[in-house]
Amino acid sequence: MMKGLIIALALTMTAPLVFASNGSHSSRSERYELCYVDGSARMLQPNMCYALGGKRAL
């Protein structure tokens, strides 16, 4: 009985996290690419690379 209660509680606590993470990957704007900013390589969205004055890696 106690084991079932603990499992049910764990599922209830983690369910919102699973649904939140699935919804964020459906947009095309979530694409990241390698960008060089101030001599360092970073993974950024294309619009942020240009906004920070970086250059896209080819």
Protein backbone atom coordinates (compact mmCIF):
# COMPACT_ATOMS: atom_id res chain seq x y z
CA MET A 1 0.00 0.00 0.00
CA MET A 2 2.74 2.46 0.97
CA LYS A 3 4.78 1.57 -2.14
CA GLY A 4 1.80 2.30 -4.39
CA LEU A 5 1.22 5.63 -2.67
CA ILE A 6 4.85 6.64 -3.18
CA ILE A 7 4.74 5.68 -6.87
CA ALA A 8 1.50 7.62 -7.39
CA LEU A 9 2.98 10.67 -5.66
CA ALA A 10 6.14 10.49 -7.79
CA LEU A 11 4.11 10.29 -11.01
CA THR A 12 1.97 13.23 -9.95
CA MET A 13 5.01 15.35 -9.17
CA THR A 14 6.85 14.65 -12.45
CA ALA A 15 3.90 14.75 -14.89
CA PRO A 16 3.86 18.57 -15.35
CA LEU A 17 7.58 18.53 -16.16
CA VAL A 18 7.10 15.96 -18.92
CA PHE A 19 4.28 17.91 -20.57
CA ALA A 20 6.18 21.22 -20.33
CA SER A 21 9.28 19.78 -21.98
CA ASN A 22 7.32 18.21 -24.86
CA GLY A 23 5.62 21.48 -25.79
CA SER A 24 8.78 23.51 -26.08
CA HIS A 25 10.30 21.46 -28.91
CA SER A 26 7.50 21.89 -31.42
CA SER A 27 8.56 25.33 -32.65
CA ARG A 28 10.97 25.81 -35.54
CA SER A 29 12.54 28.78 -33.72
CA GLU A 30 14.10 26.39 -31.19
CA ARG A 31 16.89 25.54 -33.66
CA TYR A 32 20.44 26.18 -32.41
CA GLU A 33 23.64 26.55 -34.40
CA LEU A 34 27.30 27.21 -33.74
CA CYS A 35 28.10 30.92 -33.50
CA TYR A 36 31.41 32.68 -32.80
CA VAL A 37 31.00 35.69 -30.48
CA ASP A 38 34.05 37.59 -29.16
CA GLY A 39 36.38 34.72 -30.02
CA SER A 40 34.36 32.01 -28.27
CA ALA A 41 32.09 29.39 -29.79
CA ARG A 42 28.51 29.27 -28.50
CA MET A 43 25.34 27.41 -29.41
CA LEU A 44 22.73 30.10 -30.13
CA GLN A 45 19.55 30.58 -32.09
CA PRO A 46 20.28 32.18 -35.49
CA ASN A 47 18.64 35.51 -34.60
CA MET A 48 20.62 35.75 -31.33
CA CYS A 49 23.89 35.11 -33.15
CA TYR A 50 23.34 38.18 -35.33
CA ALA A 51 21.99 40.25 -32.43
CA LEU A 52 25.18 39.65 -30.42
CA GLY A 53 27.37 40.56 -33.41
CA GLY A 54 28.55 37.01 -33.95
CA LYS A 55 29.43 35.05 -37.05
CA ARG A 56 27.77 31.75 -37.95
CA ALA A 57 30.04 28.74 -38.42
CA LEU A 58 29.89 27.32 -41.92
